[in-house]
Amino acid sequence: MILFWSKWKRRCAVLVTALALFALAGCSSTQNILEPFSPAAEESANLFTGIFIVAALIFLLVEGLLIFFVLRYQRRAADEHPEQYHGNTKLEVTWTIIPALILVVVFAFTIRTMAQVGPTNPPAQGIPVKVIGHQWWWEVQYDDGKVKYANDLHIPVGQVVNIELTSENVIHSFWVPKLMGKTDVVPGHTNKTWLYTNHPGTYDGQCAEFCGAQHANMLFKVVASSRAEYDAWLKDVQAPPVEPAAGSLAAQGKEIFLDPQNLCIGCHTIDGTKAVGVTGPNLTHVASRTCIAGCLLDFNHANLVKWLSSPQAVKPNSLMKINPLTPDQVNALSAYLESLK
């Protein structure tokens, strides 16, 4: 008996340690559905928490009874034969009806939550925004497509943003865990969702539908700011980009960018220039964004150099292609892109 309990103690210790490690592994995640910053995310989190508590209680009850009966009625002698039972109608009816009733309650609360956070039930009329999924980045359009941005979705706090979703290629899924649940992004079809928060900040988003080799790196940011800050940002990105000073490093970078041999203008647009490509993100105000490469990299000089030097090394299989550049050309091109605020 002592040996039996010793084995169980060791197994329990290993199990508890493993569970603790799994729990700690998720502590640093910025995509946490249990840390809601919007009414919709709070409804979803409350539903999850309620179901989890009920499931945990059922688990503890069932496993507790199982362990009790295993220990209480274990075979104690080699020639001992326990009394045999076959069926118990009352018990079988009971453990069929109770789970069925629990599932009915869970179903009812789930339908209620879906109705409250669904795309057809935003709390008020809001700002229209169109989001287009590409492989592997997000295009964001404001003001009926007059403003084209990438990977940063700006919203004002305290106001609903109504989002139309479609895809340029394969099925994606638009997901901002702290603000709203998942919505499929389907080619040739428009789905709708909405965002709302009273908390300024930057929230991480993610494609939640496998869409190819770089699915895991198809990220985006939702930047929530005051209405005044949002209006100022929108006004800035509607203005033409600042022209680099003649003879500056940025001016040299512009020449490199507009040189057809370097392939940049075949994929990207910069308003006011001959660059009118549509395959890649619009770069008119790229320096005002928080990230590049589908939000795989923060926007800064070092990351620009890394990305422009070898995009396939940073994000294999991406559509970003560029002819080899010298370090001086990369620095000049980076300076030009950093000037596009």
C-alpha atoms as a PDB file:
ATOM      1  CA  MET A   1       0.000   0.000   0.000  1.00  0.00           C
ATOM      2  CA  ILE A   2       2.884   2.359   0.804  1.00  0.00           C
ATOM      3  CA  LEU A   3       4.404   1.638  -2.602  1.00  0.00           C
ATOM      4  CA  PHE A   4       1.033   2.367  -4.255  1.00  0.00           C
ATOM      5  CA  TRP A   5       0.714   5.801  -2.614  1.00  0.00           C
ATOM      6  CA  SER A   6       4.352   6.614  -3.405  1.00  0.00           C
ATOM      7  CA  LYS A   7       3.734   6.007  -7.118  1.00  0.00           C
ATOM      8  CA  TRP A   8       0.580   8.149  -7.067  1.00  0.00           C
ATOM      9  CA  LYS A   9       2.403  11.014  -5.338  1.00  0.00           C
ATOM     10  CA  ARG A  10       5.141  10.991  -7.971  1.00  0.00           C
ATOM     11  CA  ARG A  11       2.606  10.939 -10.800  1.00  0.00           C
ATOM     12  CA  CYS A  12       0.607  13.784  -9.264  1.00  0.00           C
ATOM     13  CA  ALA A  13       3.774  15.840  -8.821  1.00  0.00           C
ATOM     14  CA  VAL A  14       4.716  15.334 -12.482  1.00  0.00           C
ATOM     15  CA  LEU A  15       1.174  16.219 -13.602  1.00  0.00           C
ATOM     16  CA  VAL A  16       1.023  19.403 -11.502  1.00  0.00           C
ATOM     17  CA  THR A  17       4.461  20.491 -12.747  1.00  0.00           C
ATOM     18  CA  ALA A  18       3.474  19.905 -16.377  1.00  0.00           C
ATOM     19  CA  LEU A  19       0.232  21.863 -15.964  1.00  0.00           C
ATOM     20  CA  ALA A  20       2.122  24.730 -14.316  1.00  0.00           C
ATOM     21  CA  LEU A  21       4.609  24.869 -17.201  1.00  0.00           C
ATOM     22  CA  PHE A  22       1.786  24.927 -19.754  1.00  0.00           C
ATOM     23  CA  ALA A  23       0.091  27.747 -17.827  1.00  0.00           C
ATOM     24  CA  LEU A  24       3.292  29.786 -17.574  1.00  0.00           C
ATOM     25  CA  ALA A  25       3.973  29.338 -21.298  1.00  0.00           C
ATOM     26  CA  GLY A  26       0.954  31.508 -22.121  1.00  0.00           C
ATOM     27  CA  CYS A  27       1.588  34.318 -19.652  1.00  0.00           C
ATOM     28  CA  SER A  28       3.384  36.648 -22.081  1.00  0.00           C
ATOM     29  CA  SER A  29       0.898  36.428 -24.944  1.00  0.00           C
ATOM     30  CA  THR A  30      -0.586  39.725 -26.128  1.00  0.00           C
ATOM     31  CA  GLN A  31      -3.466  37.861 -27.813  1.00  0.00           C
ATOM     32  CA  ASN A  32      -5.481  36.997 -24.732  1.00  0.00           C
ATOM     33  CA  ILE A  33      -9.231  36.452 -25.033  1.00  0.00           C
ATOM     34  CA  LEU A  34      -9.493  36.517 -21.234  1.00  0.00           C
ATOM     35  CA  GLU A  35      -8.310  40.139 -21.115  1.00  0.00           C
ATOM     36  CA  PRO A  36     -11.127  41.914 -22.987  1.00  0.00           C
ATOM     37  CA  PHE A  37     -11.045  45.605 -23.870  1.00  0.00           C
ATOM     38  CA  SER A  38     -14.416  45.854 -25.610  1.00  0.00           C
ATOM     39  CA  PRO A  39     -18.028  44.920 -24.790  1.00  0.00           C
ATOM     40  CA  ALA A  40     -18.015  42.222 -27.492  1.00  0.00           C
ATOM     41  CA  ALA A  41     -14.810  40.627 -26.233  1.00  0.00           C
ATOM     42  CA  GLU A  42     -16.125  40.808 -22.666  1.00  0.00           C
ATOM     43  CA  GLU A  43     -19.280  38.907 -23.659  1.00  0.00           C
ATOM     44  CA  SER A  44     -17.179  36.194 -25.296  1.00  0.00           C
ATOM     45  CA  ALA A  45     -14.815  36.006 -22.322  1.00  0.00           C
ATOM     46  CA  ASN A  46     -17.739  35.721 -19.890  1.00  0.00           C
ATOM     47  CA  LEU A  47     -19.233  32.886 -21.945  1.00  0.00           C
ATOM     48  CA  PHE A  48     -15.910  31.054 -22.025  1.00  0.00           C
ATOM     49  CA  THR A  49     -15.345  31.553 -18.292  1.00  0.00           C
ATOM     50  CA  GLY A  50     -18.814  30.294 -17.405  1.00  0.00           C
ATOM     51  CA  ILE A  51     -18.483  27.184 -19.562  1.00  0.00           C
ATOM     52  CA  PHE A  52     -14.986  26.541 -18.214  1.00  0.00           C
ATOM     53  CA  ILE A  53     -16.156  26.743 -14.587  1.00  0.00           C
ATOM     54  CA  VAL A  54     -19.024  24.320 -15.228  1.00  0.00           C
ATOM     55  CA  ALA A  55     -16.699  21.952 -17.107  1.00  0.00           C
ATOM     56  CA  ALA A  56     -14.097  22.151 -14.327  1.00  0.00           C
ATOM     57  CA  LEU A  57     -16.677  21.316 -11.650  1.00  0.00           C
ATOM     58  CA  ILE A  58     -17.936  18.352 -13.686  1.00  0.00           C
ATOM     59  CA  PHE A  59     -14.358  17.193 -14.241  1.00  0.00           C
ATOM     60  CA  LEU A  60     -13.546  17.372 -10.529  1.00  0.00           C
ATOM     61  CA  LEU A  61     -16.767  15.546  -9.610  1.00  0.00           C
ATOM     62  CA  VAL A  62     -16.338  12.748 -12.154  1.00  0.00           C
ATOM     63  CA  GLU A  63     -12.610  12.268 -11.601  1.00  0.00           C
ATOM     64  CA  GLY A  64     -13.044  12.508  -7.830  1.00  0.00           C
ATOM     65  CA  LEU A  65     -15.696   9.783  -7.838  1.00  0.00           C
ATOM     66  CA  LEU A  66     -13.591   7.688 -10.204  1.00  0.00           C
ATOM     67  CA  ILE A  67     -10.526   7.875  -7.960  1.00  0.00           C
ATOM     68  CA  PHE A  68     -12.638   7.221  -4.864  1.00  0.00           C
ATOM     69  CA  PHE A  69     -14.211   4.076  -6.316  1.00  0.00           C
ATOM     70  CA  VAL A  70     -10.885   2.820  -7.682  1.00  0.00           C
ATOM     71  CA  LEU A  71      -9.317   3.101  -4.244  1.00  0.00           C
ATOM     72  CA  ARG A  72     -12.360   2.053  -2.233  1.00  0.00           C
ATOM     73  CA  TYR A  73     -13.256  -1.022  -4.227  1.00  0.00           C
ATOM     74  CA  GLN A  74      -9.896  -2.155  -5.533  1.00  0.00           C
ATOM     75  CA  ARG A  75      -9.156  -5.846  -5.504  1.00  0.00           C
ATOM     76  CA  ARG A  76      -7.395  -6.697  -2.232  1.00  0.00           C
ATOM     77  CA  ALA A  77      -6.739 -10.403  -2.591  1.00  0.00           C
ATOM     78  CA  ALA A  78      -5.677 -12.562  -5.510  1.00  0.00           C
ATOM     79  CA  ASP A  79      -8.719 -14.804  -5.182  1.00  0.00           C
ATOM     80  CA  GLU A  80     -11.218 -12.037  -4.444  1.00  0.00           C
ATOM     81  CA  HIS A  81     -14.055 -11.637  -6.952  1.00  0.00           C
ATOM     82  CA  PRO A  82     -16.127  -8.458  -6.549  1.00  0.00           C
ATOM     83  CA  GLU A  83     -19.876  -8.566  -6.842  1.00  0.00           C
ATOM     84  CA  GLN A  84     -20.973  -8.079 -10.460  1.00  0.00           C
ATOM     85  CA  TYR A  85     -23.577  -5.509 -11.526  1.00  0.00           C
ATOM     86  CA  HIS A  86     -25.254  -5.011 -14.873  1.00  0.00           C
ATOM     87  CA  GLY A  87     -27.107  -1.770 -15.513  1.00  0.00           C
ATOM     88  CA  ASN A  88     -29.030   0.645 -13.343  1.00  0.00           C
ATOM     89  CA  THR A  89     -31.885   2.353 -15.136  1.00  0.00           C
ATOM     90  CA  LYS A  90     -32.243   5.244 -12.675  1.00  0.00           C
ATOM     91  CA  LEU A  91     -28.536   6.095 -12.798  1.00  0.00           C
ATOM     92  CA  GLU A  92     -28.388   5.836 -16.576  1.00  0.00           C
ATOM     93  CA  VAL A  93     -31.406   8.113 -17.028  1.00  0.00           C
ATOM     94  CA  THR A  94     -29.943  10.577 -14.504  1.00  0.00           C
ATOM     95  CA  TRP A  95     -26.523  10.859 -16.130  1.00  0.00           C
ATOM     96  CA  THR A  96     -28.169  11.256 -19.531  1.00  0.00           C
ATOM     97  CA  ILE A  97     -30.691  13.958 -18.576  1.00  0.00           C
ATOM     98  CA  ILE A  98     -28.336  16.114 -16.474  1.00  0.00           C
ATOM     99  CA  PRO A  99     -25.650  16.509 -19.217  1.00  0.00           C
ATOM    100  CA  ALA A 100     -28.397  17.145 -21.779  1.00  0.00           C
ATOM    101  CA  LEU A 101     -29.832  19.950 -19.634  1.00  0.00           C
ATOM    102  CA  ILE A 102     -26.356  21.427 -19.157  1.00  0.00           C
ATOM    103  CA  LEU A 103     -25.809  21.418 -22.928  1.00  0.00           C
ATOM    104  CA  VAL A 104     -29.170  23.121 -23.490  1.00  0.00           C
ATOM    105  CA  VAL A 105     -28.186  25.906 -21.071  1.00  0.00           C
ATOM    106  CA  VAL A 106     -24.754  26.277 -22.712  1.00  0.00           C
ATOM    107  CA  PHE A 107     -26.410  26.396 -26.142  1.00  0.00           C
ATOM    108  CA  ALA A 108     -28.850  29.093 -25.009  1.00  0.00           C
ATOM    109  CA  PHE A 109     -26.099  31.320 -23.577  1.00  0.00           C
ATOM    110  CA  THR A 110     -23.970  30.760 -26.692  1.00  0.00           C
ATOM    111  CA  ILE A 111     -26.793  31.837 -29.024  1.00  0.00           C
ATOM    112  CA  ARG A 112     -27.404  34.900 -26.832  1.00  0.00           C
ATOM    113  CA  THR A 113     -23.719  35.876 -26.999  1.00  0.00           C
ATOM    114  CA  MET A 114     -23.541  35.329 -30.762  1.00  0.00           C
ATOM    115  CA  ALA A 115     -26.565  37.579 -31.246  1.00  0.00           C
ATOM    116  CA  GLN A 116     -25.014  40.349 -29.130  1.00  0.00           C
ATOM    117  CA  VAL A 117     -21.597  40.371 -30.789  1.00  0.00           C
ATOM    118  CA  GLY A 118     -22.632  39.387 -34.318  1.00  0.00           C
ATOM    119  CA  PRO A 119     -21.845  41.540 -37.367  1.00  0.00           C
ATOM    120  CA  THR A 120     -25.496  42.570 -37.773  1.00  0.00           C
ATOM    121  CA  ASN A 121     -25.752  43.940 -34.259  1.00  0.00           C
ATOM    122  CA  PRO A 122     -23.216  46.753 -33.725  1.00  0.00           C
ATOM    123  CA  PRO A 123     -24.173  49.118 -30.890  1.00  0.00           C
ATOM    124  CA  ALA A 124     -24.468  52.121 -33.232  1.00  0.00           C
ATOM    125  CA  GLN A 125     -23.764  53.357 -36.741  1.00  0.00           C
ATOM    126  CA  GLY A 126     -20.043  53.733 -37.159  1.00  0.00           C
ATOM    127  CA  ILE A 127     -17.095  54.596 -39.358  1.00  0.00           C
ATOM    128  CA  PRO A 128     -16.944  52.414 -42.496  1.00  0.00           C
ATOM    129  CA  VAL A 129     -13.628  50.669 -43.156  1.00  0.00           C
ATOM    130  CA  LYS A 130     -12.750  48.015 -45.719  1.00  0.00           C
ATOM    131  CA  VAL A 131     -10.151  45.347 -44.946  1.00  0.00           C
ATOM    132  CA  ILE A 132      -8.736  43.089 -47.672  1.00  0.00           C
ATOM    133  CA  GLY A 133      -6.741  39.969 -46.906  1.00  0.00           C
ATOM    134  CA  HIS A 134      -3.672  39.240 -49.040  1.00  0.00           C
ATOM    135  CA  GLN A 135      -0.920  36.638 -48.780  1.00  0.00           C
ATOM    136  CA  TRP A 136       0.329  37.555 -46.227  1.00  0.00           C
ATOM    137  CA  TRP A 137      -0.649  41.056 -45.185  1.00  0.00           C
ATOM    138  CA  TRP A 138      -3.747  43.174 -44.621  1.00  0.00           C
ATOM    139  CA  GLU A 139      -4.892  46.122 -46.712  1.00  0.00           C
ATOM    140  CA  VAL A 140      -6.997  48.741 -44.914  1.00  0.00           C
ATOM    141  CA  GLN A 141      -9.078  51.275 -46.853  1.00  0.00           C
ATOM    142  CA  TYR A 142     -10.717  54.411 -45.460  1.00  0.00           C
ATOM    143  CA  ASP A 143     -12.984  57.034 -47.015  1.00  0.00           C
ATOM    144  CA  ASP A 144     -14.308  54.780 -49.820  1.00  0.00           C
ATOM    145  CA  GLY A 145     -10.815  53.653 -50.793  1.00  0.00           C
ATOM    146  CA  LYS A 146      -9.286  57.126 -50.999  1.00  0.00           C
ATOM    147  CA  VAL A 147      -6.897  56.207 -48.184  1.00  0.00           C
ATOM    148  CA  LYS A 148      -5.088  52.881 -48.539  1.00  0.00           C
ATOM    149  CA  TYR A 149      -3.058  51.650 -45.599  1.00  0.00           C
ATOM    150  CA  ALA A 150      -1.512  48.342 -44.600  1.00  0.00           C
ATOM    151  CA  ASN A 151      -1.383  46.227 -41.442  1.00  0.00           C
ATOM    152  CA  ASP A 152      -2.345  49.087 -39.078  1.00  0.00           C
ATOM    153  CA  LEU A 153      -6.073  49.554 -38.467  1.00  0.00           C
ATOM    154  CA  HIS A 154      -6.689  52.919 -36.790  1.00  0.00           C
ATOM    155  CA  ILE A 155      -9.921  53.401 -34.840  1.00  0.00           C
ATOM    156  CA  PRO A 156     -11.217  56.157 -32.524  1.00  0.00           C
ATOM    157  CA  VAL A 157     -12.109  55.144 -28.980  1.00  0.00           C
ATOM    158  CA  GLY A 158     -15.743  55.407 -27.986  1.00  0.00           C
ATOM    159  CA  GLN A 159     -17.011  54.982 -31.544  1.00  0.00           C
ATOM    160  CA  VAL A 160     -18.042  51.953 -33.569  1.00  0.00           C
ATOM    161  CA  VAL A 161     -16.016  51.015 -36.637  1.00  0.00           C
ATOM    162  CA  ASN A 162     -17.958  48.912 -39.160  1.00  0.00           C
ATOM    163  CA  ILE A 163     -15.614  46.692 -41.152  1.00  0.00           C
ATOM    164  CA  GLU A 164     -16.232  45.051 -44.513  1.00  0.00           C
ATOM    165  CA  LEU A 165     -13.988  42.043 -45.067  1.00  0.00           C
ATOM    166  CA  THR A 166     -12.956  40.362 -48.296  1.00  0.00           C
ATOM    167  CA  SER A 167      -9.942  38.485 -49.649  1.00  0.00           C
ATOM    168  CA  GLU A 168      -7.791  38.927 -52.723  1.00  0.00           C
ATOM    169  CA  ASN A 169      -6.752  35.276 -52.901  1.00  0.00           C
ATOM    170  CA  VAL A 170      -7.527  32.544 -50.348  1.00  0.00           C
ATOM    171  CA  ILE A 171      -9.691  32.318 -47.226  1.00  0.00           C
ATOM    172  CA  HIS A 172      -8.332  34.216 -44.224  1.00  0.00           C
ATOM    173  CA  SER A 173      -9.843  35.011 -40.827  1.00  0.00           C
ATOM    174  CA  PHE A 174      -9.857  38.427 -39.141  1.00  0.00           C
ATOM    175  CA  TRP A 175      -9.297  38.191 -35.385  1.00  0.00           C
ATOM    176  CA  VAL A 176      -8.475  40.712 -32.655  1.00  0.00           C
ATOM    177  CA  PRO A 177      -8.653  38.595 -29.462  1.00  0.00           C
ATOM    178  CA  LYS A 178      -8.960  41.508 -27.029  1.00  0.00           C
ATOM    179  CA  LEU A 179     -11.632  43.295 -29.071  1.00  0.00           C
ATOM    180  CA  MET A 180     -13.672  40.856 -31.173  1.00  0.00           C
ATOM    181  CA  GLY A 181     -14.012  37.233 -32.217  1.00  0.00           C
ATOM    182  CA  LYS A 182     -13.074  35.691 -35.549  1.00  0.00           C
ATOM    183  CA  THR A 183     -14.712  36.508 -38.878  1.00  0.00           C
ATOM    184  CA  ASP A 184     -13.908  34.646 -42.091  1.00  0.00           C
ATOM    185  CA  VAL A 185     -12.388  36.659 -44.943  1.00  0.00           C
ATOM    186  CA  VAL A 186     -13.527  35.016 -48.175  1.00  0.00           C
ATOM    187  CA  PRO A 187     -12.490  35.801 -51.776  1.00  0.00           C
ATOM    188  CA  GLY A 188     -15.363  37.089 -53.901  1.00  0.00           C
ATOM    189  CA  HIS A 189     -17.579  37.607 -50.861  1.00  0.00           C
ATOM    190  CA  THR A 190     -18.010  40.386 -48.297  1.00  0.00           C
ATOM    191  CA  ASN A 191     -18.364  39.583 -44.609  1.00  0.00           C
ATOM    192  CA  LYS A 192     -18.931  42.166 -41.912  1.00  0.00           C
ATOM    193  CA  THR A 193     -17.727  42.737 -38.381  1.00  0.00           C
ATOM    194  CA  TRP A 194     -17.286  45.711 -36.079  1.00  0.00           C
ATOM    195  CA  LEU A 195     -14.875  47.011 -33.448  1.00  0.00           C
ATOM    196  CA  TYR A 196     -15.473  49.225 -30.437  1.00  0.00           C
ATOM    197  CA  THR A 197     -13.383  50.081 -27.398  1.00  0.00           C
ATOM    198  CA  ASN A 198     -13.145  52.788 -24.766  1.00  0.00           C
ATOM    199  CA  HIS A 199      -9.504  51.960 -24.031  1.00  0.00           C
ATOM    200  CA  PRO A 200      -6.758  53.685 -26.051  1.00  0.00           C
ATOM    201  CA  GLY A 201      -3.893  51.407 -26.987  1.00  0.00           C
ATOM    202  CA  THR A 202      -2.495  49.026 -29.575  1.00  0.00           C
ATOM    203  CA  TYR A 203      -4.077  45.592 -29.929  1.00  0.00           C
ATOM    204  CA  ASP A 204      -2.572  42.651 -31.781  1.00  0.00           C
ATOM    205  CA  GLY A 205      -4.558  40.966 -34.543  1.00  0.00           C
ATOM    206  CA  GLN A 206      -3.957  37.710 -36.355  1.00  0.00           C
ATOM    207  CA  CYS A 207      -5.138  35.724 -39.340  1.00  0.00           C
ATOM    208  CA  ALA A 208      -6.900  32.764 -37.726  1.00  0.00           C
ATOM    209  CA  GLU A 209      -7.436  30.610 -40.831  1.00  0.00           C
ATOM    210  CA  PHE A 210      -4.543  28.652 -42.335  1.00  0.00           C
ATOM    211  CA  CYS A 211      -3.734  30.443 -45.587  1.00  0.00           C
ATOM    212  CA  GLY A 212      -0.335  29.191 -46.688  1.00  0.00           C
ATOM    213  CA  ALA A 213       3.328  29.121 -45.751  1.00  0.00           C
ATOM    214  CA  GLN A 214       3.358  32.454 -43.868  1.00  0.00           C
ATOM    215  CA  HIS A 215      -0.032  32.152 -42.189  1.00  0.00           C
ATOM    216  CA  ALA A 216       1.517  32.464 -38.719  1.00  0.00           C
ATOM    217  CA  ASN A 217       3.143  35.752 -39.748  1.00  0.00           C
ATOM    218  CA  MET A 218       0.021  37.378 -41.183  1.00  0.00           C
ATOM    219  CA  LEU A 219      -0.383  39.839 -38.333  1.00  0.00           C
ATOM    220  CA  PHE A 220      -1.807  43.319 -37.888  1.00  0.00           C
ATOM    221  CA  LYS A 221      -2.287  46.034 -35.269  1.00  0.00           C
ATOM    222  CA  VAL A 222      -5.410  47.858 -34.165  1.00  0.00           C
ATOM    223  CA  VAL A 223      -4.416  51.336 -32.989  1.00  0.00           C
ATOM    224  CA  ALA A 224      -7.133  52.889 -30.807  1.00  0.00           C
ATOM    225  CA  SER A 225      -6.747  56.599 -30.071  1.00  0.00           C
ATOM    226  CA  SER A 226      -8.866  59.598 -29.129  1.00  0.00           C
ATOM    227  CA  ARG A 227     -11.161  61.037 -31.794  1.00  0.00           C
ATOM    228  CA  ALA A 228      -8.944  64.112 -32.100  1.00  0.00           C
ATOM    229  CA  GLU A 229      -5.831  61.970 -32.619  1.00  0.00           C
ATOM    230  CA  TYR A 230      -7.671  59.750 -35.087  1.00  0.00           C
ATOM    231  CA  ASP A 231      -8.888  62.742 -37.114  1.00  0.00           C
ATOM    232  CA  ALA A 232      -5.368  64.210 -37.143  1.00  0.00           C
ATOM    233  CA  TRP A 233      -3.929  60.882 -38.334  1.00  0.00           C
ATOM    234  CA  LEU A 234      -6.552  60.566 -41.088  1.00  0.00           C
ATOM    235  CA  LYS A 235      -5.833  64.114 -42.265  1.00  0.00           C
ATOM    236  CA  ASP A 236      -2.095  63.404 -42.364  1.00  0.00           C
ATOM    237  CA  VAL A 237      -2.424  60.229 -44.440  1.00  0.00           C
ATOM    238  CA  GLN A 238      -4.722  61.989 -46.918  1.00  0.00           C
ATOM    239  CA  ALA A 239      -2.000  64.539 -47.650  1.00  0.00           C
ATOM    240  CA  PRO A 240       0.670  63.837 -50.290  1.00  0.00           C
ATOM    241  CA  PRO A 241       4.014  62.559 -48.971  1.00  0.00           C
ATOM    242  CA  VAL A 242       6.779  65.045 -48.243  1.00  0.00           C
ATOM    243  CA  GLU A 243       9.280  65.363 -51.076  1.00  0.00           C
ATOM    244  CA  PRO A 244      12.855  64.574 -49.921  1.00  0.00           C
ATOM    245  CA  ALA A 245      15.379  67.412 -50.067  1.00  0.00           C
ATOM    246  CA  ALA A 246      17.450  67.530 -53.234  1.00  0.00           C
ATOM    247  CA  GLY A 247      20.780  65.753 -52.867  1.00  0.00           C
ATOM    248  CA  SER A 248      19.786  64.060 -49.613  1.00  0.00           C
ATOM    249  CA  LEU A 249      20.167  60.365 -48.881  1.00  0.00           C
ATOM    250  CA  ALA A 250      16.369  60.057 -49.040  1.00  0.00           C
ATOM    251  CA  ALA A 251      16.378  61.637 -52.518  1.00  0.00           C
ATOM    252  CA  GLN A 252      18.897  59.025 -53.649  1.00  0.00           C
ATOM    253  CA  GLY A 253      16.622  56.368 -52.180  1.00  0.00           C
ATOM    254  CA  LYS A 254      13.676  57.713 -54.157  1.00  0.00           C
ATOM    255  CA  GLU A 255      15.646  57.322 -57.384  1.00  0.00           C
ATOM    256  CA  ILE A 256      16.443  53.724 -56.435  1.00  0.00           C
ATOM    257  CA  PHE A 257      12.786  53.053 -55.626  1.00  0.00           C
ATOM    258  CA  LEU A 258      11.546  54.473 -58.940  1.00  0.00           C
ATOM    259  CA  ASP A 259      14.154  52.628 -61.011  1.00  0.00           C
ATOM    260  CA  PRO A 260      12.190  49.869 -62.841  1.00  0.00           C
ATOM    261  CA  GLN A 261      15.188  47.533 -62.626  1.00  0.00           C
ATOM    262  CA  ASN A 262      14.720  47.293 -58.862  1.00  0.00           C
ATOM    263  CA  LEU A 263      11.113  46.063 -59.261  1.00  0.00           C
ATOM    264  CA  CYS A 264       9.699  48.294 -56.485  1.00  0.00           C
ATOM    265  CA  ILE A 265       7.276  50.251 -58.676  1.00  0.00           C
ATOM    266  CA  GLY A 266       5.848  47.073 -60.165  1.00  0.00           C
ATOM    267  CA  CYS A 267       4.266  46.124 -56.837  1.00  0.00           C
ATOM    268  CA  HIS A 268       3.899  49.277 -54.733  1.00  0.00           C
ATOM    269  CA  THR A 269       2.174  52.642 -55.005  1.00  0.00           C
ATOM    270  CA  ILE A 270       3.439  55.951 -53.666  1.00  0.00           C
ATOM    271  CA  ASP A 271       1.001  58.765 -54.395  1.00  0.00           C
ATOM    272  CA  GLY A 272       2.411  61.556 -56.536  1.00  0.00           C
ATOM    273  CA  THR A 273       5.017  59.318 -58.198  1.00  0.00           C
ATOM    274  CA  LYS A 274       5.057  56.904 -61.122  1.00  0.00           C
ATOM    275  CA  ALA A 275       4.891  53.993 -58.670  1.00  0.00           C
ATOM    276  CA  VAL A 276       1.369  52.588 -59.127  1.00  0.00           C
ATOM    277  CA  GLY A 277       1.764  48.873 -58.379  1.00  0.00           C
ATOM    278  CA  VAL A 278      -1.060  47.121 -56.550  1.00  0.00           C
ATOM    279  CA  THR A 279       0.417  43.715 -55.706  1.00  0.00           C
ATOM    280  CA  GLY A 280       2.045  44.915 -52.491  1.00  0.00           C
ATOM    281  CA  PRO A 281       1.084  47.434 -49.798  1.00  0.00           C
ATOM    282  CA  ASN A 282       0.594  51.108 -50.632  1.00  0.00           C
ATOM    283  CA  LEU A 283       3.711  52.849 -49.244  1.00  0.00           C
ATOM    284  CA  THR A 284       2.557  56.479 -49.464  1.00  0.00           C
ATOM    285  CA  HIS A 285       2.814  57.018 -45.698  1.00  0.00           C
ATOM    286  CA  VAL A 286       4.683  53.867 -44.711  1.00  0.00           C
ATOM    287  CA  ALA A 287       6.787  55.690 -42.086  1.00  0.00           C
ATOM    288  CA  SER A 288       3.681  56.433 -40.032  1.00  0.00           C
ATOM    289  CA  ARG A 289       2.994  52.718 -39.544  1.00  0.00           C
ATOM    290  CA  THR A 290       3.980  50.606 -36.581  1.00  0.00           C
ATOM    291  CA  CYS A 291       5.221  47.607 -38.559  1.00  0.00           C
ATOM    292  CA  ILE A 292       6.325  46.145 -41.888  1.00  0.00           C
ATOM    293  CA  ALA A 293       6.386  42.708 -43.552  1.00  0.00           C
ATOM    294  CA  GLY A 294       2.849  41.890 -42.476  1.00  0.00           C
ATOM    295  CA  CYS A 295       3.655  43.143 -38.952  1.00  0.00           C
ATOM    296  CA  LEU A 296       6.404  40.556 -38.601  1.00  0.00           C
ATOM    297  CA  LEU A 297       8.862  43.417 -37.959  1.00  0.00           C
ATOM    298  CA  ASP A 298       8.472  46.723 -36.116  1.00  0.00           C
ATOM    299  CA  PHE A 299       9.018  49.778 -38.286  1.00  0.00           C
ATOM    300  CA  ASN A 300      12.537  51.075 -37.680  1.00  0.00           C
ATOM    301  CA  HIS A 301      15.748  51.600 -39.638  1.00  0.00           C
ATOM    302  CA  ALA A 302      17.391  48.326 -38.629  1.00  0.00           C
ATOM    303  CA  ASN A 303      14.362  46.276 -39.632  1.00  0.00           C
ATOM    304  CA  LEU A 304      13.981  48.147 -42.911  1.00  0.00           C
ATOM    305  CA  VAL A 305      17.586  47.320 -43.762  1.00  0.00           C
ATOM    306  CA  LYS A 306      17.030  43.673 -42.848  1.00  0.00           C
ATOM    307  CA  TRP A 307      13.828  43.464 -44.903  1.00  0.00           C
ATOM    308  CA  LEU A 308      15.194  45.234 -47.991  1.00  0.00           C
ATOM    309  CA  SER A 309      18.465  43.307 -47.928  1.00  0.00           C
ATOM    310  CA  SER A 310      16.828  39.892 -48.097  1.00  0.00           C
ATOM    311  CA  PRO A 311      13.032  39.718 -47.852  1.00  0.00           C
ATOM    312  CA  GLN A 312      12.967  35.974 -48.523  1.00  0.00           C
ATOM    313  CA  ALA A 313      15.312  35.354 -45.595  1.00  0.00           C
ATOM    314  CA  VAL A 314      12.972  37.306 -43.310  1.00  0.00           C
ATOM    315  CA  LYS A 315       9.682  35.970 -44.686  1.00  0.00           C
ATOM    316  CA  PRO A 316      10.181  32.942 -46.956  1.00  0.00           C
ATOM    317  CA  ASN A 317       7.661  32.444 -49.791  1.00  0.00           C
ATOM    318  CA  SER A 318       6.369  35.999 -49.525  1.00  0.00           C
ATOM    319  CA  LEU A 319       5.668  37.836 -52.779  1.00  0.00           C
ATOM    320  CA  MET A 320       8.258  40.490 -51.908  1.00  0.00           C
ATOM    321  CA  LYS A 321      10.923  40.239 -54.611  1.00  0.00           C
ATOM    322  CA  ILE A 322      13.748  42.715 -55.120  1.00  0.00           C
ATOM    323  CA  ASN A 323      16.926  42.697 -57.178  1.00  0.00           C
ATOM    324  CA  PRO A 324      20.074  42.538 -55.019  1.00  0.00           C
ATOM    325  CA  LEU A 325      21.099  45.943 -53.677  1.00  0.00           C
ATOM    326  CA  THR A 326      24.398  47.147 -52.255  1.00  0.00           C
ATOM    327  CA  PRO A 327      24.483  48.185 -48.570  1.00  0.00           C
ATOM    328  CA  ASP A 328      24.667  51.843 -49.653  1.00  0.00           C
ATOM    329  CA  GLN A 329      21.590  51.419 -51.848  1.00  0.00           C
ATOM    330  CA  VAL A 330      19.718  49.703 -49.020  1.00  0.00           C
ATOM    331  CA  ASN A 331      20.556  52.561 -46.635  1.00  0.00           C
ATOM    332  CA  ALA A 332      19.417  55.145 -49.169  1.00  0.00           C
ATOM    333  CA  LEU A 333      16.192  53.274 -49.905  1.00  0.00           C
ATOM    334  CA  SER A 334      15.549  52.917 -46.164  1.00  0.00           C
ATOM    335  CA  ALA A 335      16.086  56.654 -45.692  1.00  0.00           C
ATOM    336  CA  TYR A 336      13.505  57.380 -48.389  1.00  0.00           C
ATOM    337  CA  LEU A 337      10.904  55.065 -46.890  1.00  0.00           C
ATOM    338  CA  GLU A 338      11.540  56.559 -43.439  1.00  0.00           C
ATOM    339  CA  SER A 339      10.783  60.003 -44.876  1.00  0.00           C
ATOM    340  CA  LEU A 340       7.299  58.963 -46.031  1.00  0.00           C
ATOM    341  CA  LYS A 341       5.368  60.094 -42.963  1.00  0.00           C
END
